[in-house]
Amino acid sequence: MGGLTVRRTASFLLLLALFGFTCYGLDEPSVSAESAVLMVAETGELVYAKNEHERRGMASTTKIMTALLTLECATPQKQVTVTEQMAAVEGTSMGLLAGDKVTYHDLVYGMLLASGNDAANTAAISVAGSIPAFARLMNERAVQIGMTNTSFVTPSGLDDENHYSTAYDMALLGCEAIKNPDFLMACSSVQAKLCYGNEPYTRYLSNHNKLLKTFDGALGIKTGFTKKSGRCLVSAAERNGVTLVCVTLKAPDDWRDHEALLEYGFERASVKTLSCSLPQVTVYGGEAETAAVELCEPLSVATQCGSDRILTQVIIKPYCIAPLKKGDIAGEVRISVDGKTVKTVPVTVKEDVKAITQEVFKKPSIFKRLAEKISDFFCKRKVIT
């Protein structure tokens, strides 16, 4: 019996060593796409990657950048008059004609729902004056986002040998775009009621993104297709505080790819609640010498990493000058995952601190303490330097 028990125990330990308590990697989905990425939006962590840095055409997912720039550079309710040059573009359309009046708001919806090439052209020329000038803006914004392997030529995504990106770069773009609340509202709309034309009249556009109807927690983003680039899709979804961005390029079965990858990601990423100790901030010129501080939101991060790979760093101002009001910024807490700062949470003053009145300030003891503190501060700064 003793030998049997030993053998059973050894077999059990062997199973644990081989498979572990969690089976990461064993159920990794089979993906039809030539290139694919699944990313945690808050941290930029890769949950899944396949040929993620391989350059490919991205078709109409290009309009993610065009729509984002339109929202950042133009007033949404400002009206534009469509010209022949703006409307003269092949492919998908929101139905614009020369002479139509349309707002930038409606152009964004026309891009993200109907995938209108006419909407992209109209926005680009209106914002920058020409397609090449707008492409320069696109590439400048791409550098800011960290898209180091991307080149934009057209605002619509029509094929061009110099128009390309990667699954990884498009995931970075998706993460950036959904930070913009107006973009997120548009790309997650199943349908939109718009008003444009000559004279403007009511129209309804439906979103091409099927995931909004089939996948729990889907947030949209953008579909794309050309014969050369194949089926391209950038999607996002949120569950239990975790937002994931998924990209597939040249994917024959993109809808299934995204459903499988997103489910895979939600099994692995979760919101980690963190804690830290906050010191009081020194106050100069106030009725109190220090002020209590607090976090302006709960300290947490969505990640697939374990707690041992997450660090918090408290950065408090060396001093604040009175008067202070509750909510004034006194510092921040930086959250890093694997050494990379992924989130900052502001630290604010917890309650008001009044400034010293002239009468009180004249008292020698208070004045002396204040002068000593200022002197000490600059002395310490000098030593540190």
Protein backbone atom coordinates (compact mmCIF):
# COMPACT_ATOMS: atom_id res chain seq x y z
CA MET A 1 0.00 0.00 0.00
CA GLY A 2 2.83 2.37 0.86
CA GLY A 3 4.41 1.87 -2.56
CA LEU A 4 1.08 2.48 -4.32
CA THR A 5 0.59 5.73 -2.36
CA VAL A 6 4.07 6.91 -3.28
CA ARG A 7 3.48 6.12 -6.96
CA ARG A 8 0.13 7.98 -6.94
CA THR A 9 1.70 10.97 -5.24
CA ALA A 10 4.57 11.01 -7.71
CA SER A 11 2.13 10.82 -10.63
CA PHE A 12 0.09 13.71 -9.22
CA LEU A 13 3.19 15.88 -8.77
CA LEU A 14 4.29 15.04 -12.30
CA LEU A 15 0.91 16.19 -13.64
CA LEU A 16 1.23 19.45 -11.72
CA ALA A 17 4.71 20.00 -13.07
CA LEU A 18 3.57 19.35 -16.63
CA PHE A 19 0.28 21.23 -16.62
CA GLY A 20 0.33 23.53 -13.60
CA PHE A 21 -2.74 24.84 -11.80
CA THR A 22 -3.66 27.00 -14.81
CA CYS A 23 -3.33 25.79 -18.36
CA TYR A 24 -2.00 28.92 -20.07
CA GLY A 25 -0.98 28.24 -23.64
CA LEU A 26 -2.66 24.83 -23.90
CA ASP A 27 -5.96 26.24 -25.16
CA GLU A 28 -4.47 29.03 -27.28
CA PRO A 29 -6.95 29.52 -30.12
CA SER A 30 -6.25 28.61 -33.71
CA VAL A 31 -6.34 31.83 -35.74
CA SER A 32 -6.99 32.13 -39.48
CA ALA A 33 -5.35 35.57 -39.77
CA GLU A 34 -1.92 36.04 -41.35
CA SER A 35 -1.15 38.53 -38.54
CA ALA A 36 -2.90 38.99 -35.20
CA VAL A 37 -2.54 40.68 -31.83
CA LEU A 38 -4.53 40.64 -28.61
CA MET A 39 -3.58 43.47 -26.23
CA VAL A 40 -4.64 44.63 -22.76
CA ALA A 41 -5.72 48.20 -23.48
CA GLU A 42 -4.66 49.72 -20.15
CA THR A 43 -1.13 48.31 -20.09
CA GLY A 44 -0.29 47.47 -23.70
CA GLU A 45 0.54 43.89 -22.69
CA LEU A 46 0.44 41.28 -25.42
CA VAL A 47 -1.81 38.35 -24.59
CA TYR A 48 -1.51 36.79 -28.03
CA ALA A 49 0.66 37.60 -31.06
CA LYS A 50 1.15 36.11 -34.50
CA ASN A 51 3.43 37.82 -37.03
CA GLU A 52 2.65 40.97 -35.08
CA HIS A 53 5.40 43.12 -36.65
CA GLU A 54 4.88 41.97 -40.24
CA ARG A 55 3.94 44.86 -42.53
CA ARG A 56 0.58 44.51 -44.26
CA GLY A 57 -2.15 46.57 -45.83
CA MET A 58 -4.85 47.45 -43.27
CA ALA A 59 -7.65 48.55 -45.61
CA SER A 60 -10.43 50.59 -43.99
CA THR A 61 -9.15 50.07 -40.44
CA THR A 62 -7.08 53.09 -41.57
CA LYS A 63 -10.19 55.15 -40.80
CA ILE A 64 -9.54 54.68 -37.08
CA MET A 65 -6.71 57.20 -37.42
CA THR A 66 -8.70 59.43 -39.77
CA ALA A 67 -11.67 59.56 -37.40
CA LEU A 68 -9.46 60.12 -34.33
CA LEU A 69 -7.62 63.01 -36.00
CA THR A 70 -10.90 64.53 -37.17
CA LEU A 71 -12.19 64.54 -33.59
CA GLU A 72 -8.91 65.99 -32.29
CA CYS A 73 -8.51 68.68 -34.96
CA ALA A 74 -12.06 69.80 -35.79
CA THR A 75 -15.17 71.07 -34.02
CA PRO A 76 -17.69 68.19 -34.23
CA GLN A 77 -20.73 70.34 -35.00
CA LYS A 78 -18.98 72.52 -37.59
CA GLN A 79 -20.51 72.09 -41.04
CA VAL A 80 -18.52 71.33 -44.19
CA THR A 81 -19.66 71.73 -47.81
CA VAL A 82 -18.63 68.74 -49.91
CA THR A 83 -16.67 69.44 -53.10
CA GLU A 84 -16.25 67.30 -56.23
CA GLN A 85 -12.71 66.44 -55.13
CA MET A 86 -13.93 65.23 -51.73
CA ALA A 87 -16.70 63.03 -53.14
CA ALA A 88 -14.68 61.62 -56.06
CA VAL A 89 -13.34 58.45 -54.45
CA GLU A 90 -14.01 54.80 -55.20
CA GLY A 91 -15.31 52.18 -52.80
CA THR A 92 -17.64 52.30 -49.83
CA SER A 93 -19.64 55.46 -49.27
CA MET A 94 -21.94 57.25 -46.86
CA GLY A 95 -23.64 58.78 -49.88
CA LEU A 96 -22.06 62.23 -50.08
CA LEU A 97 -22.48 64.38 -53.19
CA ALA A 98 -20.85 67.63 -54.20
CA GLY A 99 -22.77 70.47 -52.59
CA ASP A 100 -23.90 68.45 -49.57
CA LYS A 101 -23.56 70.01 -46.13
CA VAL A 102 -22.33 67.67 -43.42
CA THR A 103 -20.85 68.10 -39.93
CA TYR A 104 -17.55 66.61 -38.78
CA HIS A 105 -19.60 64.62 -36.24
CA ASP A 106 -21.54 62.96 -39.07
CA LEU A 107 -18.35 62.38 -41.07
CA VAL A 108 -16.86 60.43 -38.14
CA TYR A 109 -19.98 58.25 -37.97
CA GLY A 110 -19.91 57.88 -41.73
CA MET A 111 -16.35 56.57 -41.49
CA LEU A 112 -16.77 54.25 -38.51
CA LEU A 113 -20.20 52.81 -39.29
CA ALA A 114 -20.63 52.87 -43.08
CA SER A 115 -16.86 52.89 -43.74
CA GLY A 116 -17.39 55.80 -46.12
CA ASN A 117 -14.35 56.60 -48.24
CA ASP A 118 -16.15 59.80 -49.17
CA ALA A 119 -16.42 60.68 -45.48
CA ALA A 120 -12.70 60.07 -44.96
CA ASN A 121 -11.75 62.16 -48.00
CA THR A 122 -14.07 65.00 -46.99
CA ALA A 123 -12.73 65.11 -43.45
CA ALA A 124 -9.09 64.92 -44.57
CA ILE A 125 -9.30 67.70 -47.14
CA SER A 126 -11.40 69.90 -44.84
CA VAL A 127 -9.03 69.49 -41.89
CA ALA A 128 -5.66 69.71 -43.67
CA GLY A 129 -6.35 71.22 -47.10
CA SER A 130 -5.27 68.16 -49.10
CA ILE A 131 -4.87 64.38 -48.87
CA PRO A 132 -1.03 64.51 -48.70
CA ALA A 133 -1.16 67.15 -45.94
CA PHE A 134 -3.57 65.02 -43.94
CA ALA A 135 -1.40 61.95 -44.46
CA ARG A 136 1.48 63.88 -42.87
CA LEU A 137 -0.74 64.55 -39.85
CA MET A 138 -1.60 60.84 -39.71
CA ASN A 139 2.05 59.83 -39.71
CA GLU A 140 2.98 62.43 -37.09
CA ARG A 141 0.20 61.15 -34.81
CA ALA A 142 1.32 57.58 -35.44
CA VAL A 143 4.81 58.43 -34.16
CA GLN A 144 3.27 59.94 -31.00
CA ILE A 145 1.34 56.73 -30.38
CA GLY A 146 4.45 54.58 -30.90
CA MET A 147 3.45 53.12 -34.28
CA THR A 148 7.02 52.78 -35.53
CA ASN A 149 6.25 50.35 -38.35
CA THR A 150 3.38 52.22 -40.05
CA SER A 151 3.04 54.47 -43.09
CA PHE A 152 -0.20 56.25 -43.99
CA VAL A 153 -0.83 57.52 -47.53
CA THR A 154 -4.63 57.66 -47.81
CA PRO A 155 -7.27 58.59 -45.22
CA SER A 156 -9.62 55.85 -46.42
CA GLY A 157 -7.31 52.83 -46.60
CA LEU A 158 -7.32 52.25 -50.35
CA ASP A 159 -4.35 50.11 -51.36
CA ASP A 160 -0.98 51.76 -51.97
CA GLU A 161 2.46 50.16 -51.75
CA ASN A 162 3.51 52.81 -49.22
CA HIS A 163 0.35 52.45 -47.14
CA TYR A 164 0.90 49.76 -44.51
CA SER A 165 0.95 48.91 -40.83
CA THR A 166 1.30 45.90 -38.54
CA ALA A 167 -1.07 44.10 -36.22
CA TYR A 168 0.91 45.41 -33.26
CA ASP A 169 0.80 49.04 -34.42
CA MET A 170 -2.92 48.84 -35.18
CA ALA A 171 -3.52 47.51 -31.67
CA LEU A 172 -1.68 50.54 -30.26
CA LEU A 173 -3.90 52.76 -32.42
CA GLY A 174 -7.04 50.99 -31.22
CA CYS A 175 -6.01 51.45 -27.57
CA GLU A 176 -5.36 55.15 -28.17
CA ALA A 177 -8.56 55.76 -30.12
CA ILE A 178 -10.95 54.36 -27.53
CA LYS A 179 -9.53 56.75 -24.93
CA ASN A 180 -11.40 59.45 -26.86
CA PRO A 181 -15.01 59.33 -25.58
CA ASP A 182 -16.47 60.69 -28.83
CA PHE A 183 -14.63 58.06 -30.87
CA LEU A 184 -15.75 55.30 -28.50
CA MET A 185 -19.37 56.45 -28.67
CA ALA A 186 -19.28 56.41 -32.46
CA CYS A 187 -17.51 53.09 -33.01
CA SER A 188 -19.74 51.30 -30.48
CA SER A 189 -23.01 52.54 -32.04
CA VAL A 190 -25.02 49.83 -33.77
CA GLN A 191 -26.93 52.49 -35.69
CA ALA A 192 -26.80 56.28 -36.00
CA LYS A 193 -29.37 58.90 -36.97
CA LEU A 194 -27.61 61.62 -38.99
CA CYS A 195 -28.63 64.67 -40.98
CA TYR A 196 -26.74 65.77 -44.10
CA GLY A 197 -27.32 66.61 -47.74
CA ASN A 198 -28.31 69.58 -49.87
CA GLU A 199 -30.57 70.53 -48.08
CA PRO A 200 -29.74 68.24 -45.09
CA TYR A 201 -32.26 65.49 -44.31
CA THR A 202 -32.38 62.59 -41.86
CA ARG A 203 -30.51 59.39 -42.70
CA TYR A 204 -29.74 56.20 -40.79
CA LEU A 205 -26.42 54.37 -40.94
CA SER A 206 -25.79 50.86 -39.61
CA ASN A 207 -22.49 49.60 -38.22
CA HIS A 208 -20.69 46.90 -40.27
CA ASN A 209 -19.19 45.42 -37.08
CA LYS A 210 -21.16 42.22 -36.32
CA LEU A 211 -19.44 41.74 -32.95
CA LEU A 212 -21.60 44.53 -31.49
CA LYS A 213 -24.56 42.16 -31.82
CA THR A 214 -22.90 38.81 -31.21
CA PHE A 215 -20.18 39.29 -28.57
CA ASP A 216 -20.86 40.16 -24.93
CA GLY A 217 -19.03 43.37 -24.01
CA ALA A 218 -18.07 44.36 -27.58
CA LEU A 219 -17.13 48.04 -28.02
CA GLY A 220 -16.77 48.07 -31.81
CA ILE A 221 -13.90 49.66 -33.49
CA LYS A 222 -13.49 49.11 -37.27
CA THR A 223 -13.76 46.63 -40.14
CA GLY A 224 -11.81 46.71 -43.40
CA PHE A 225 -11.46 44.89 -46.71
CA THR A 226 -9.72 45.17 -50.06
CA LYS A 227 -8.81 42.34 -52.42
CA LYS A 228 -5.12 42.95 -51.78
CA SER A 229 -5.26 43.40 -47.99
CA GLY A 230 -7.97 40.81 -47.36
CA ARG A 231 -10.32 40.99 -44.41
CA CYS A 232 -8.99 43.27 -41.65
CA LEU A 233 -10.59 43.91 -38.29
CA VAL A 234 -9.76 45.91 -35.16
CA SER A 235 -12.10 45.25 -32.25
CA ALA A 236 -12.38 46.06 -28.56
CA ALA A 237 -14.38 44.56 -25.74
CA GLU A 238 -14.76 45.15 -22.00
CA ARG A 239 -15.69 42.79 -19.19
CA ASN A 240 -15.33 43.18 -15.43
CA GLY A 241 -13.15 46.26 -15.79
CA VAL A 242 -10.78 44.71 -18.34
CA THR A 243 -10.65 46.17 -21.86
CA LEU A 244 -8.98 44.20 -24.64
CA VAL A 245 -8.09 45.30 -28.17
CA CYS A 246 -7.83 42.66 -30.88
CA VAL A 247 -6.41 43.01 -34.41
CA THR A 248 -6.43 40.58 -37.32
CA LEU A 249 -4.98 41.35 -40.76
CA LYS A 250 -5.77 39.20 -43.80
CA ALA A 251 -8.10 36.91 -41.87
CA PRO A 252 -10.49 34.66 -43.83
CA ASP A 253 -12.48 33.94 -40.66
CA ASP A 254 -12.05 37.22 -38.77
CA TRP A 255 -15.30 37.16 -36.75
CA ARG A 256 -14.50 33.77 -35.27
CA ASP A 257 -10.86 34.77 -34.75
CA HIS A 258 -11.91 37.77 -32.66
CA GLU A 259 -14.49 35.93 -30.59
CA ALA A 260 -11.97 33.19 -29.77
CA LEU A 261 -9.12 35.59 -29.02
CA LEU A 262 -11.22 37.91 -26.85
CA GLU A 263 -12.56 34.99 -24.80
CA TYR A 264 -8.99 33.74 -24.46
CA GLY A 265 -7.90 37.15 -23.18
CA PHE A 266 -10.69 37.55 -20.66
CA GLU A 267 -9.69 34.24 -19.09
CA ARG A 268 -6.18 35.58 -18.48
CA ALA A 269 -6.49 39.27 -17.63
CA SER A 270 -8.17 40.71 -14.56
CA VAL A 271 -8.26 43.89 -12.51
CA LYS A 272 -5.66 43.85 -9.76
CA THR A 273 -6.48 46.03 -6.73
CA LEU A 274 -3.39 47.73 -5.31
CA SER A 275 -2.54 49.61 -2.14
CA CYS A 276 0.07 52.12 -1.02
CA SER A 277 0.83 54.42 1.89
CA LEU A 278 0.39 58.14 1.25
CA PRO A 279 2.43 60.67 3.29
CA GLN A 280 1.08 64.09 4.12
CA VAL A 281 2.20 67.02 2.00
CA THR A 282 4.10 69.93 3.54
CA VAL A 283 2.23 73.24 3.40
CA TYR A 284 3.91 76.67 3.35
CA GLY A 285 1.99 79.78 4.34
CA GLY A 286 -0.94 77.82 5.70
CA GLU A 287 -2.72 77.63 9.04
CA ALA A 288 -1.70 73.96 9.06
CA GLU A 289 1.85 72.83 8.45
CA THR A 290 0.80 69.67 6.59
CA ALA A 291 -2.23 68.45 4.68
CA ALA A 292 -3.66 64.95 4.30
CA VAL A 293 -3.92 63.61 0.77
CA GLU A 294 -5.95 60.90 -0.97
CA LEU A 295 -6.20 59.08 -4.28
CA CYS A 296 -8.72 60.57 -6.67
CA GLU A 297 -9.75 57.07 -7.79
CA PRO A 298 -9.20 53.48 -6.60
CA LEU A 299 -5.71 52.16 -7.21
CA SER A 300 -6.03 49.29 -9.65
CA VAL A 301 -4.80 48.07 -13.03
CA ALA A 302 -6.12 45.61 -15.60
CA THR A 303 -3.35 43.14 -16.40
CA GLN A 304 -2.49 39.51 -17.08
CA CYS A 305 0.59 39.80 -14.85
CA GLY A 306 0.94 38.54 -11.31
CA SER A 307 1.24 40.95 -8.40
CA ASP A 308 5.00 40.37 -8.18
CA ARG A 309 5.43 42.15 -11.53
CA ILE A 310 3.39 45.23 -10.54
CA LEU A 311 4.98 48.12 -8.67
CA THR A 312 3.59 51.41 -7.34
CA GLN A 313 5.61 54.57 -6.84
CA VAL A 314 4.26 57.50 -4.81
CA ILE A 315 5.38 60.93 -6.05
CA ILE A 316 4.37 63.79 -3.72
CA LYS A 317 5.24 67.46 -4.26
CA PRO A 318 7.99 68.70 -1.91
CA TYR A 319 5.56 71.36 -0.68
CA CYS A 320 2.31 73.16 -1.53
CA ILE A 321 1.58 76.87 -1.05
CA ALA A 322 -1.57 77.81 0.88
CA PRO A 323 -4.42 78.38 0.36
CA LEU A 324 -5.30 74.84 -0.68
CA LYS A 325 -8.67 73.48 -1.66
CA LYS A 326 -9.93 69.93 -1.41
CA GLY A 327 -9.10 68.27 -4.73
CA ASP A 328 -5.96 70.29 -5.51
CA ILE A 329 -3.27 68.08 -7.08
CA ALA A 330 -0.51 67.17 -4.64
CA GLY A 331 1.22 64.39 -6.58
CA GLU A 332 0.55 61.06 -8.24
CA VAL A 333 0.96 57.33 -7.89
CA ARG A 334 2.65 55.62 -10.84
CA ILE A 335 1.78 52.01 -11.60
CA SER A 336 4.35 50.02 -13.54
CA VAL A 337 4.16 46.52 -14.99
CA ASP A 338 7.46 44.82 -15.75
CA GLY A 339 9.23 48.16 -15.27
CA LYS A 340 7.03 50.10 -17.71
CA THR A 341 4.77 52.84 -16.33
CA VAL A 342 1.27 52.02 -17.57
CA LYS A 343 -0.97 54.23 -15.45
CA THR A 344 -0.83 57.26 -13.18
CA VAL A 345 -3.42 58.08 -10.54
CA PRO A 346 -3.54 61.68 -9.25
CA VAL A 347 -3.11 62.34 -5.52
CA THR A 348 -5.20 65.24 -4.24
CA VAL A 349 -5.51 67.34 -1.08
CA LYS A 350 -8.13 65.85 1.21
CA GLU A 351 -9.45 69.08 2.76
CA ASP A 352 -9.08 72.87 2.55
CA VAL A 353 -6.10 74.62 4.12
CA LYS A 354 -6.45 78.35 4.67
CA ALA A 355 -3.59 80.77 4.14
CA ILE A 356 -2.06 82.55 7.14
CA THR A 357 -3.65 85.94 7.67
CA GLN A 358 -1.42 88.99 7.99
CA GLU A 359 -2.08 89.24 11.73
CA VAL A 360 -1.13 85.62 12.38
CA PHE A 361 1.83 85.77 10.03
CA LYS A 362 3.36 88.59 12.10
CA LYS A 363 3.74 86.30 15.10
CA PRO A 364 7.51 85.64 15.50
CA SER A 365 7.16 81.93 16.30
CA ILE A 366 5.16 81.11 13.16
CA PHE A 367 7.32 83.32 10.96
CA LYS A 368 10.47 81.73 12.33
CA ARG A 369 9.23 78.17 11.75
CA LEU A 370 8.18 79.07 8.21
CA ALA A 371 11.54 80.67 7.43
CA GLU A 372 13.37 77.67 8.87
CA LYS A 373 11.36 75.24 6.75
CA ILE A 374 12.01 77.18 3.57
CA SER A 375 15.69 77.38 4.43
CA ASP A 376 15.84 73.67 5.22
CA PHE A 377 14.11 72.82 1.98
CA PHE A 378 16.56 74.73 -0.18
CA CYS A 379 19.49 73.37 1.80
CA LYS A 380 18.28 69.82 1.20
CA ARG A 381 17.74 70.57 -2.47
CA LYS A 382 21.29 71.83 -2.65
CA VAL A 383 22.66 68.68 -1.06
CA ILE A 384 20.65 66.45 -3.38
CA THR A 385 21.86 68.35 -6.41
